[in-house]
């Protein structure tokens, strides 16, 4: 079984990549900016949530 800290770290790396992909799409002016906004905002929110979850797991 996979450790929960490892699973959280894999999720954190994935959301950071998603956020950077969205920000990159905004900078190069893709034809559909809605998807880039969605990736950037969703990735940022989930990154913050996973960071808070990791801090909560470390203090417990």
Protein backbone atom coordinates (compact mmCIF):
# COMPACT_ATOMS: atom_id res chain seq x y z
CA UNK A 1 0.00 0.00 0.00
CA UNK A 2 1.28 3.48 -0.84
CA UNK A 3 2.09 5.87 1.96
CA UNK A 4 -0.23 8.89 2.27
CA UNK A 5 2.69 11.34 2.29
CA UNK A 6 3.96 9.92 -0.99
CA UNK A 7 0.48 10.14 -2.49
CA UNK A 8 0.19 13.78 -1.38
CA UNK A 9 3.59 14.62 -2.85
CA UNK A 10 2.69 13.05 -6.21
CA UNK A 11 -0.56 15.04 -6.21
CA UNK A 12 1.33 18.21 -5.32
CA UNK A 13 3.77 17.76 -8.20
CA UNK A 14 0.88 17.13 -10.59
CA UNK A 15 -1.02 20.24 -9.53
CA UNK A 16 2.09 22.39 -9.80
CA UNK A 17 2.59 21.14 -13.36
CA UNK A 18 -1.08 21.84 -14.11
CA UNK A 19 -0.78 25.38 -12.74
CA UNK A 20 2.38 26.12 -14.73
CA UNK A 21 0.78 24.74 -17.88
CA UNK A 22 -2.17 27.11 -17.41
CA UNK A 23 0.08 30.12 -16.75
CA UNK A 24 2.17 29.25 -19.81
CA UNK A 25 -0.99 29.13 -21.90
CA UNK A 26 -1.92 32.60 -20.71
CA UNK A 27 1.49 34.01 -21.62
CA UNK A 28 1.59 32.59 -25.15
CA UNK A 29 -2.00 33.73 -25.92
CA UNK A 30 -3.64 30.45 -26.82
CA UNK A 31 -6.84 30.71 -28.86
CA UNK A 32 -8.97 29.44 -25.92
CA UNK A 33 -7.90 31.37 -22.82
CA UNK A 34 -10.73 29.92 -20.69
CA UNK A 35 -8.94 26.57 -20.43
CA UNK A 36 -5.71 28.29 -19.43
CA UNK A 37 -7.52 30.28 -16.73
CA UNK A 38 -9.17 27.09 -15.51
CA UNK A 39 -5.86 25.23 -15.30
CA UNK A 40 -4.05 28.13 -13.63
CA UNK A 41 -6.71 28.81 -11.00
CA UNK A 42 -7.52 25.16 -10.37
CA UNK A 43 -3.86 24.24 -10.09
CA UNK A 44 -3.15 27.09 -7.70
CA UNK A 45 -6.09 26.26 -5.43
CA UNK A 46 -5.28 22.56 -5.31
CA UNK A 47 -1.59 23.29 -4.73
CA UNK A 48 -2.43 25.41 -1.70
CA UNK A 49 -4.83 22.76 -0.40
CA UNK A 50 -2.24 19.99 -0.73
CA UNK A 51 0.44 22.11 0.96
CA UNK A 52 -1.89 22.71 3.90
CA UNK A 53 -2.73 19.00 4.03
CA UNK A 54 0.97 18.09 4.10
CA UNK A 55 1.62 20.56 6.91
CA UNK A 56 -1.28 19.11 8.87
CA UNK A 57 0.06 15.57 8.39
CA UNK A 58 3.59 16.60 9.48
CA UNK A 59 2.41 18.20 12.73
CA UNK A 60 0.21 15.24 13.68
